[in-house]
Amino acid sequence: MLNLRLDDFMVELKDGSLKNVGPTNKKATAKLFDVESAEAREFGDKRVKLVFEDEDGNEVQVSLFPEDVRKIAADIERLEDDSPVFE
């Protein structure tokens, strides 16, 4: 299930193209639940792309620098040691 929240978001559809309307202060939050597949792969010369997909084909991609991937890996290791989620 993909949950997408858009704040202060307005676009104009003209001649088949989307155009920003209003100020550029827009924000968005995307959440993907019930992930069926997840993978990590190279993205360009300096990043890692994490790709998550649910059973409906909704997909979220996140591009991170290696140091951020290492922080996430450390967080997961810590959870494996301390969290009941991994019991």
PDB file of N, CA and C in Angstrom:
ATOM      1  N   MET A   1       0.842  -1.174   0.000  1.00  0.00           N
ATOM      2  CA  MET A   1       0.000   0.000   0.000  1.00  0.00           C
ATOM      3  C   MET A   1       0.887   1.236   0.000  1.00  0.00           C
ATOM      4  N   LEU A   2       0.650   2.107  -0.942  1.00  0.00           N
ATOM      5  CA  LEU A   2       1.396   3.354  -1.050  1.00  0.00           C
ATOM      6  C   LEU A   2       0.566   4.479  -0.462  1.00  0.00           C
ATOM      7  N   ASN A   3       1.158   5.195   0.488  1.00  0.00           N
ATOM      8  CA  ASN A   3       0.521   6.349   1.112  1.00  0.00           C
ATOM      9  C   ASN A   3       1.325   7.561   0.682  1.00  0.00           C
ATOM     10  N   LEU A   4       0.682   8.493   0.004  1.00  0.00           N
ATOM     11  CA  LEU A   4       1.365   9.677  -0.500  1.00  0.00           C
ATOM     12  C   LEU A   4       0.662  10.916   0.027  1.00  0.00           C
ATOM     13  N   ARG A   5       1.423  11.761   0.714  1.00  0.00           N
ATOM     14  CA  ARG A   5       0.866  13.003   1.240  1.00  0.00           C
ATOM     15  C   ARG A   5       1.577  14.165   0.568  1.00  0.00           C
ATOM     16  N   LEU A   6       0.798  15.062  -0.014  1.00  0.00           N
ATOM     17  CA  LEU A   6       1.330  16.237  -0.683  1.00  0.00           C
ATOM     18  C   LEU A   6       0.806  17.471   0.026  1.00  0.00           C
ATOM     19  N   ASP A   7       1.706  18.357   0.444  1.00  0.00           N
ATOM     20  CA  ASP A   7       1.318  19.580   1.135  1.00  0.00           C
ATOM     21  C   ASP A   7       1.539  20.788   0.236  1.00  0.00           C
ATOM     22  N   ASP A   8       0.574  21.695   0.265  1.00  0.00           N
ATOM     23  CA  ASP A   8       0.662  22.933  -0.510  1.00  0.00           C
ATOM     24  C   ASP A   8       0.968  22.633  -1.971  1.00  0.00           C
ATOM     25  N   PHE A   9       0.263  21.686  -2.520  1.00  0.00           N
ATOM     26  CA  PHE A   9       0.574  21.203  -3.858  1.00  0.00           C
ATOM     27  C   PHE A   9      -0.546  21.539  -4.830  1.00  0.00           C
ATOM     28  N   MET A  10      -0.199  22.246  -5.877  1.00  0.00           N
ATOM     29  CA  MET A  10      -1.166  22.522  -6.925  1.00  0.00           C
ATOM     30  C   MET A  10      -0.412  22.553  -8.248  1.00  0.00           C
ATOM     31  N   VAL A  11      -0.973  21.855  -9.235  1.00  0.00           N
ATOM     32  CA  VAL A  11      -0.389  21.869 -10.569  1.00  0.00           C
ATOM     33  C   VAL A  11      -1.477  22.212 -11.578  1.00  0.00           C
ATOM     34  N   GLU A  12      -1.030  22.606 -12.726  1.00  0.00           N
ATOM     35  CA  GLU A  12      -1.934  22.929 -13.818  1.00  0.00           C
ATOM     36  C   GLU A  12      -1.641  21.950 -14.953  1.00  0.00           C
ATOM     37  N   LEU A  13      -2.675  21.394 -15.505  1.00  0.00           N
ATOM     38  CA  LEU A  13      -2.532  20.505 -16.658  1.00  0.00           C
ATOM     39  C   LEU A  13      -2.889  21.314 -17.903  1.00  0.00           C
ATOM     40  N   LYS A  14      -1.898  21.498 -18.771  1.00  0.00           N
ATOM     41  CA  LYS A  14      -2.119  22.294 -19.976  1.00  0.00           C
ATOM     42  C   LYS A  14      -1.414  21.622 -21.145  1.00  0.00           C
ATOM     43  N   ASP A  15      -2.165  21.331 -22.174  1.00  0.00           N
ATOM     44  CA  ASP A  15      -1.614  20.692 -23.368  1.00  0.00           C
ATOM     45  C   ASP A  15      -0.862  19.402 -23.033  1.00  0.00           C
ATOM     46  N   GLY A  16      -1.382  18.644 -22.075  1.00  0.00           N
ATOM     47  CA  GLY A  16      -0.784  17.367 -21.714  1.00  0.00           C
ATOM     48  C   GLY A  16       0.429  17.451 -20.811  1.00  0.00           C
ATOM     49  N   SER A  17       0.768  18.633 -20.319  1.00  0.00           N
ATOM     50  CA  SER A  17       1.928  18.814 -19.450  1.00  0.00           C
ATOM     51  C   SER A  17       1.502  19.341 -18.094  1.00  0.00           C
ATOM     52  N   LEU A  18       2.188  18.895 -17.043  1.00  0.00           N
ATOM     53  CA  LEU A  18       1.964  19.419 -15.706  1.00  0.00           C
ATOM     54  C   LEU A  18       2.873  20.612 -15.472  1.00  0.00           C
ATOM     55  N   LYS A  19       2.310  21.660 -14.895  1.00  0.00           N
ATOM     56  CA  LYS A  19       3.069  22.868 -14.600  1.00  0.00           C
ATOM     57  C   LYS A  19       2.801  23.264 -13.158  1.00  0.00           C
ATOM     58  N   ASN A  20       3.861  23.630 -12.448  1.00  0.00           N
ATOM     59  CA  ASN A  20       3.734  24.092 -11.076  1.00  0.00           C
ATOM     60  C   ASN A  20       2.872  25.352 -11.035  1.00  0.00           C
ATOM     61  N   VAL A  21       1.995  25.411 -10.047  1.00  0.00           N
ATOM     62  CA  VAL A  21       1.170  26.599  -9.836  1.00  0.00           C
ATOM     63  C   VAL A  21       1.428  27.063  -8.410  1.00  0.00           C
ATOM     64  N   GLY A  22       1.711  28.324  -8.237  1.00  0.00           N
ATOM     65  CA  GLY A  22       1.939  28.865  -6.907  1.00  0.00           C
ATOM     66  C   GLY A  22       3.397  28.810  -6.499  1.00  0.00           C
ATOM     67  N   PRO A  23       3.639  29.039  -5.198  1.00  0.00           N
ATOM     68  CA  PRO A  23       5.013  29.091  -4.710  1.00  0.00           C
ATOM     69  C   PRO A  23       5.684  27.710  -4.738  1.00  0.00           C
ATOM     70  N   THR A  24       6.980  27.705  -4.531  1.00  0.00           N
ATOM     71  CA  THR A  24       7.765  26.467  -4.590  1.00  0.00           C
ATOM     72  C   THR A  24       7.977  25.858  -3.204  1.00  0.00           C
ATOM     73  N   ASN A  25       7.053  26.045  -2.289  1.00  0.00           N
ATOM     74  CA  ASN A  25       7.194  25.552  -0.919  1.00  0.00           C
ATOM     75  C   ASN A  25       6.522  24.190  -0.720  1.00  0.00           C
ATOM     76  N   LYS A  26       6.390  23.412  -1.743  1.00  0.00           N
ATOM     77  CA  LYS A  26       5.687  22.139  -1.665  1.00  0.00           C
ATOM     78  C   LYS A  26       6.503  21.093  -0.917  1.00  0.00           C
ATOM     79  N   LYS A  27       5.803  20.184  -0.246  1.00  0.00           N
ATOM     80  CA  LYS A  27       6.438  19.079   0.477  1.00  0.00           C
ATOM     81  C   LYS A  27       5.661  17.813   0.173  1.00  0.00           C
ATOM     82  N   ALA A  28       6.356  16.684   0.258  1.00  0.00           N
ATOM     83  CA  ALA A  28       5.675  15.410   0.040  1.00  0.00           C
ATOM     84  C   ALA A  28       6.270  14.363   0.958  1.00  0.00           C
ATOM     85  N   THR A  29       5.439  13.426   1.376  1.00  0.00           N
ATOM     86  CA  THR A  29       5.859  12.275   2.160  1.00  0.00           C
ATOM     87  C   THR A  29       5.301  11.038   1.483  1.00  0.00           C
ATOM     88  N   ALA A  30       6.159  10.049   1.255  1.00  0.00           N
ATOM     89  CA  ALA A  30       5.708   8.789   0.657  1.00  0.00           C
ATOM     90  C   ALA A  30       6.022   7.659   1.632  1.00  0.00           C
ATOM     91  N   LYS A  31       5.051   6.781   1.832  1.00  0.00           N
ATOM     92  CA  LYS A  31       5.224   5.621   2.700  1.00  0.00           C
ATOM     93  C   LYS A  31       4.750   4.402   1.928  1.00  0.00           C
ATOM     94  N   LEU A  32       5.534   3.342   1.978  1.00  0.00           N
ATOM     95  CA  LEU A  32       5.167   2.108   1.299  1.00  0.00           C
ATOM     96  C   LEU A  32       5.102   1.005   2.343  1.00  0.00           C
ATOM     97  N   PHE A  33       3.924   0.396   2.468  1.00  0.00           N
ATOM     98  CA  PHE A  33       3.711  -0.662   3.447  1.00  0.00           C
ATOM     99  C   PHE A  33       3.583  -1.995   2.739  1.00  0.00           C
ATOM    100  N   ASP A  34       3.739  -3.078   3.477  1.00  0.00           N
ATOM    101  CA  ASP A  34       3.599  -4.430   2.937  1.00  0.00           C
ATOM    102  C   ASP A  34       4.518  -4.642   1.738  1.00  0.00           C
ATOM    103  N   VAL A  35       5.783  -4.326   1.929  1.00  0.00           N
ATOM    104  CA  VAL A  35       6.780  -4.461   0.868  1.00  0.00           C
ATOM    105  C   VAL A  35       6.983  -5.935   0.544  1.00  0.00           C
ATOM    106  N   GLU A  36       6.927  -6.258  -0.737  1.00  0.00           N
ATOM    107  CA  GLU A  36       7.117  -7.627  -1.215  1.00  0.00           C
ATOM    108  C   GLU A  36       8.548  -7.883  -1.658  1.00  0.00           C
ATOM    109  N   SER A  37       9.233  -6.845  -2.157  1.00  0.00           N
ATOM    110  CA  SER A  37      10.618  -7.024  -2.588  1.00  0.00           C
ATOM    111  C   SER A  37      11.416  -5.771  -2.251  1.00  0.00           C
ATOM    112  N   ALA A  38      12.686  -6.001  -1.957  1.00  0.00           N
ATOM    113  CA  ALA A  38      13.602  -4.901  -1.642  1.00  0.00           C
ATOM    114  C   ALA A  38      14.975  -5.276  -2.183  1.00  0.00           C
ATOM    115  N   GLU A  39      15.652  -4.302  -2.769  1.00  0.00           N
ATOM    116  CA  GLU A  39      16.991  -4.565  -3.276  1.00  0.00           C
ATOM    117  C   GLU A  39      17.838  -3.305  -3.203  1.00  0.00           C
ATOM    118  N   ALA A  40      19.138  -3.515  -3.202  1.00  0.00           N
ATOM    119  CA  ALA A  40      20.097  -2.412  -3.237  1.00  0.00           C
ATOM    120  C   ALA A  40      20.962  -2.612  -4.473  1.00  0.00           C
ATOM    121  N   ARG A  41      21.264  -1.496  -5.162  1.00  0.00           N
ATOM    122  CA  ARG A  41      22.122  -1.588  -6.343  1.00  0.00           C
ATOM    123  C   ARG A  41      22.878  -0.277  -6.516  1.00  0.00           C
ATOM    124  N   GLU A  42      23.905  -0.316  -7.355  1.00  0.00           N
ATOM    125  CA  GLU A  42      24.682   0.884  -7.633  1.00  0.00           C
ATOM    126  C   GLU A  42      23.817   1.898  -8.364  1.00  0.00           C
ATOM    127  N   PHE A  43      24.073   3.167  -8.064  1.00  0.00           N
ATOM    128  CA  PHE A  43      23.364   4.250  -8.751  1.00  0.00           C
ATOM    129  C   PHE A  43      24.396   5.313  -9.085  1.00  0.00           C
ATOM    130  N   GLY A  44      24.788   5.372 -10.332  1.00  0.00           N
ATOM    131  CA  GLY A  44      25.838   6.302 -10.723  1.00  0.00           C
ATOM    132  C   GLY A  44      27.169   5.850 -10.163  1.00  0.00           C
ATOM    133  N   ASP A  45      28.078   6.789 -10.002  1.00  0.00           N
ATOM    134  CA  ASP A  45      29.420   6.468  -9.527  1.00  0.00           C
ATOM    135  C   ASP A  45      29.570   6.523  -8.014  1.00  0.00           C
ATOM    136  N   LYS A  46      28.613   7.184  -7.314  1.00  0.00           N
ATOM    137  CA  LYS A  46      28.854   7.468  -5.902  1.00  0.00           C
ATOM    138  C   LYS A  46      27.694   7.133  -4.981  1.00  0.00           C
ATOM    139  N   ARG A  47      26.662   6.514  -5.485  1.00  0.00           N
ATOM    140  CA  ARG A  47      25.484   6.291  -4.647  1.00  0.00           C
ATOM    141  C   ARG A  47      24.997   4.854  -4.711  1.00  0.00           C
ATOM    142  N   VAL A  48      24.151   4.542  -3.754  1.00  0.00           N
ATOM    143  CA  VAL A  48      23.465   3.256  -3.698  1.00  0.00           C
ATOM    144  C   VAL A  48      21.977   3.546  -3.788  1.00  0.00           C
ATOM    145  N   LYS A  49      21.277   2.796  -4.627  1.00  0.00           N
ATOM    146  CA  LYS A  49      19.837   2.969  -4.752  1.00  0.00           C
ATOM    147  C   LYS A  49      19.156   1.800  -4.049  1.00  0.00           C
ATOM    148  N   LEU A  50      18.243   2.120  -3.144  1.00  0.00           N
ATOM    149  CA  LEU A  50      17.405   1.125  -2.495  1.00  0.00           C
ATOM    150  C   LEU A  50      16.053   1.171  -3.193  1.00  0.00           C
ATOM    151  N   VAL A  51      15.550   0.000  -3.594  1.00  0.00           N
ATOM    152  CA  VAL A  51      14.294  -0.078  -4.332  1.00  0.00           C
ATOM    153  C   VAL A  51      13.346  -1.006  -3.578  1.00  0.00           C
ATOM    154  N   PHE A  52      12.145  -0.504  -3.278  1.00  0.00           N
ATOM    155  CA  PHE A  52      11.137  -1.266  -2.545  1.00  0.00           C
ATOM    156  C   PHE A  52       9.866  -1.316  -3.377  1.00  0.00           C
ATOM    157  N   GLU A  53       9.238  -2.499  -3.451  1.00  0.00           N
ATOM    158  CA  GLU A  53       8.016  -2.645  -4.237  1.00  0.00           C
ATOM    159  C   GLU A  53       7.001  -3.480  -3.465  1.00  0.00           C
ATOM    160  N   ASP A  54       5.715  -3.101  -3.567  1.00  0.00           N
ATOM    161  CA  ASP A  54       4.667  -3.878  -2.919  1.00  0.00           C
ATOM    162  C   ASP A  54       3.985  -4.782  -3.943  1.00  0.00           C
ATOM    163  N   GLU A  55       3.023  -5.575  -3.482  1.00  0.00           N
ATOM    164  CA  GLU A  55       2.379  -6.550  -4.362  1.00  0.00           C
ATOM    165  C   GLU A  55       1.551  -5.905  -5.469  1.00  0.00           C
ATOM    166  N   ASP A  56       1.194  -4.630  -5.309  1.00  0.00           N
ATOM    167  CA  ASP A  56       0.408  -3.931  -6.324  1.00  0.00           C
ATOM    168  C   ASP A  56       1.278  -3.251  -7.380  1.00  0.00           C
ATOM    169  N   GLY A  57       2.601  -3.383  -7.242  1.00  0.00           N
ATOM    170  CA  GLY A  57       3.509  -2.756  -8.199  1.00  0.00           C
ATOM    171  C   GLY A  57       3.904  -1.337  -7.850  1.00  0.00           C
ATOM    172  N   ASN A  58       3.430  -0.826  -6.691  1.00  0.00           N
ATOM    173  CA  ASN A  58       3.880   0.486  -6.238  1.00  0.00           C
ATOM    174  C   ASN A  58       5.351   0.377  -5.862  1.00  0.00           C
ATOM    175  N   GLU A  59       6.128   1.384  -6.206  1.00  0.00           N
ATOM    176  CA  GLU A  59       7.567   1.324  -5.988  1.00  0.00           C
ATOM    177  C   GLU A  59       8.071   2.629  -5.394  1.00  0.00           C
ATOM    178  N   VAL A  60       9.014   2.501  -4.467  1.00  0.00           N
ATOM    179  CA  VAL A  60       9.711   3.658  -3.907  1.00  0.00           C
ATOM    180  C   VAL A  60      11.196   3.409  -4.089  1.00  0.00           C
ATOM    181  N   GLN A  61      11.895   4.403  -4.621  1.00  0.00           N
ATOM    182  CA  GLN A  61      13.338   4.321  -4.801  1.00  0.00           C
ATOM    183  C   GLN A  61      13.985   5.413  -3.965  1.00  0.00           C
ATOM    184  N   VAL A  62      15.094   5.055  -3.313  1.00  0.00           N
ATOM    185  CA  VAL A  62      15.825   6.003  -2.476  1.00  0.00           C
ATOM    186  C   VAL A  62      17.297   5.914  -2.859  1.00  0.00           C
ATOM    187  N   SER A  63      17.900   7.048  -3.160  1.00  0.00           N
ATOM    188  CA  SER A  63      19.315   7.109  -3.510  1.00  0.00           C
ATOM    189  C   SER A  63      20.084   7.677  -2.321  1.00  0.00           C
ATOM    190  N   LEU A  64      21.103   6.935  -1.888  1.00  0.00           N
ATOM    191  CA  LEU A  64      21.879   7.332  -0.707  1.00  0.00           C
ATOM    192  C   LEU A  64      23.370   7.272  -0.989  1.00  0.00           C
ATOM    193  N   PHE A  65      24.127   8.104  -0.286  1.00  0.00           N
ATOM    194  CA  PHE A  65      25.576   7.994  -0.321  1.00  0.00           C
ATOM    195  C   PHE A  65      25.984   6.816   0.565  1.00  0.00           C
ATOM    196  N   PRO A  66      27.134   6.194   0.295  1.00  0.00           N
ATOM    197  CA  PRO A  66      27.557   5.008   1.056  1.00  0.00           C
ATOM    198  C   PRO A  66      27.583   5.217   2.570  1.00  0.00           C
ATOM    199  N   GLU A  67      27.969   6.396   3.039  1.00  0.00           N
ATOM    200  CA  GLU A  67      28.023   6.607   4.495  1.00  0.00           C
ATOM    201  C   GLU A  67      26.626   6.534   5.118  1.00  0.00           C
ATOM    202  N   ASP A  68      25.607   6.951   4.377  1.00  0.00           N
ATOM    203  CA  ASP A  68      24.239   6.850   4.887  1.00  0.00           C
ATOM    204  C   ASP A  68      23.763   5.398   4.890  1.00  0.00           C
ATOM    205  N   VAL A  69      24.162   4.632   3.875  1.00  0.00           N
ATOM    206  CA  VAL A  69      23.829   3.202   3.842  1.00  0.00           C
ATOM    207  C   VAL A  69      24.475   2.492   5.024  1.00  0.00           C
ATOM    208  N   ARG A  70      25.715   2.846   5.327  1.00  0.00           N
ATOM    209  CA  ARG A  70      26.409   2.227   6.468  1.00  0.00           C
ATOM    210  C   ARG A  70      25.696   2.551   7.787  1.00  0.00           C
ATOM    211  N   LYS A  71      25.184   3.771   7.935  1.00  0.00           N
ATOM    212  CA  LYS A  71      24.439   4.147   9.143  1.00  0.00           C
ATOM    213  C   LYS A  71      23.174   3.303   9.277  1.00  0.00           C
ATOM    214  N   ILE A  72      22.479   3.095   8.178  1.00  0.00           N
ATOM    215  CA  ILE A  72      21.269   2.268   8.210  1.00  0.00           C
ATOM    216  C   ILE A  72      21.625   0.827   8.556  1.00  0.00           C
ATOM    217  N   ALA A  73      22.698   0.314   7.968  1.00  0.00           N
ATOM    218  CA  ALA A  73      23.137  -1.061   8.269  1.00  0.00           C
ATOM    219  C   ALA A  73      23.473  -1.195   9.755  1.00  0.00           C
ATOM    220  N   ALA A  74      24.109  -0.177  10.328  1.00  0.00           N
ATOM    221  CA  ALA A  74      24.433  -0.201  11.762  1.00  0.00           C
ATOM    222  C   ALA A  74      23.158  -0.160  12.603  1.00  0.00           C
ATOM    223  N   ASP A  75      22.181   0.629  12.182  1.00  0.00           N
ATOM    224  CA  ASP A  75      20.897   0.677  12.890  1.00  0.00           C
ATOM    225  C   ASP A  75      20.218  -0.691  12.871  1.00  0.00           C
ATOM    226  N   ILE A  76      20.277  -1.376  11.744  1.00  0.00           N
ATOM    227  CA  ILE A  76      19.663  -2.706  11.635  1.00  0.00           C
ATOM    228  C   ILE A  76      20.388  -3.701  12.537  1.00  0.00           C
ATOM    229  N   GLU A  77      21.713  -3.650  12.557  1.00  0.00           N
ATOM    230  CA  GLU A  77      22.466  -4.537  13.454  1.00  0.00           C
ATOM    231  C   GLU A  77      22.091  -4.296  14.915  1.00  0.00           C
ATOM    232  N   ARG A  78      21.939  -3.035  15.287  1.00  0.00           N
ATOM    233  CA  ARG A  78      21.556  -2.688  16.654  1.00  0.00           C
ATOM    234  C   ARG A  78      20.162  -3.232  16.966  1.00  0.00           C
ATOM    235  N   LEU A  79      19.245  -3.122  16.021  1.00  0.00           N
ATOM    236  CA  LEU A  79      17.908  -3.673  16.213  1.00  0.00           C
ATOM    237  C   LEU A  79      17.944  -5.193  16.363  1.00  0.00           C
ATOM    238  N   GLU A  80      18.793  -5.845  15.582  1.00  0.00           N
ATOM    239  CA  GLU A  80      18.905  -7.299  15.685  1.00  0.00           C
ATOM    240  C   GLU A  80      19.338  -7.724  17.084  1.00  0.00           C
ATOM    241  N   ASP A  81      20.157  -6.911  17.728  1.00  0.00           N
ATOM    242  CA  ASP A  81      20.648  -7.230  19.073  1.00  0.00           C
ATOM    243  C   ASP A  81      19.639  -6.878  20.164  1.00  0.00           C
ATOM    244  N   ASP A  82      18.860  -5.799  19.968  1.00  0.00           N
ATOM    245  CA  ASP A  82      18.070  -5.247  21.065  1.00  0.00           C
ATOM    246  C   ASP A  82      16.558  -5.293  20.888  1.00  0.00           C
ATOM    247  N   SER A  83      16.070  -5.508  19.694  1.00  0.00           N
ATOM    248  CA  SER A  83      14.644  -5.356  19.441  1.00  0.00           C
ATOM    249  C   SER A  83      13.911  -6.699  19.411  1.00  0.00           C
ATOM    250  N   PRO A  84      12.708  -6.739  19.987  1.00  0.00           N
ATOM    251  CA  PRO A  84      11.921  -7.959  19.906  1.00  0.00           C
ATOM    252  C   PRO A  84      11.437  -8.266  18.473  1.00  0.00           C
ATOM    253  N   VAL A  85      11.560  -7.319  17.579  1.00  0.00           N
ATOM    254  CA  VAL A  85      11.163  -7.534  16.196  1.00  0.00           C
ATOM    255  C   VAL A  85      11.951  -8.698  15.577  1.00  0.00           C
ATOM    256  N   PHE A  86      13.210  -8.848  15.990  1.00  0.00           N
ATOM    257  CA  PHE A  86      14.072  -9.879  15.421  1.00  0.00           C
ATOM    258  C   PHE A  86      14.100 -11.159  16.225  1.00  0.00           C
ATOM    259  N   GLU A  87      13.209 -11.318  17.181  1.00  0.00           N
ATOM    260  CA  GLU A  87      13.188 -12.547  17.987  1.00  0.00           C
ATOM    261  C   GLU A  87      12.478 -13.656  17.275  1.00  0.00           C
TER     262      GLU A  87
END
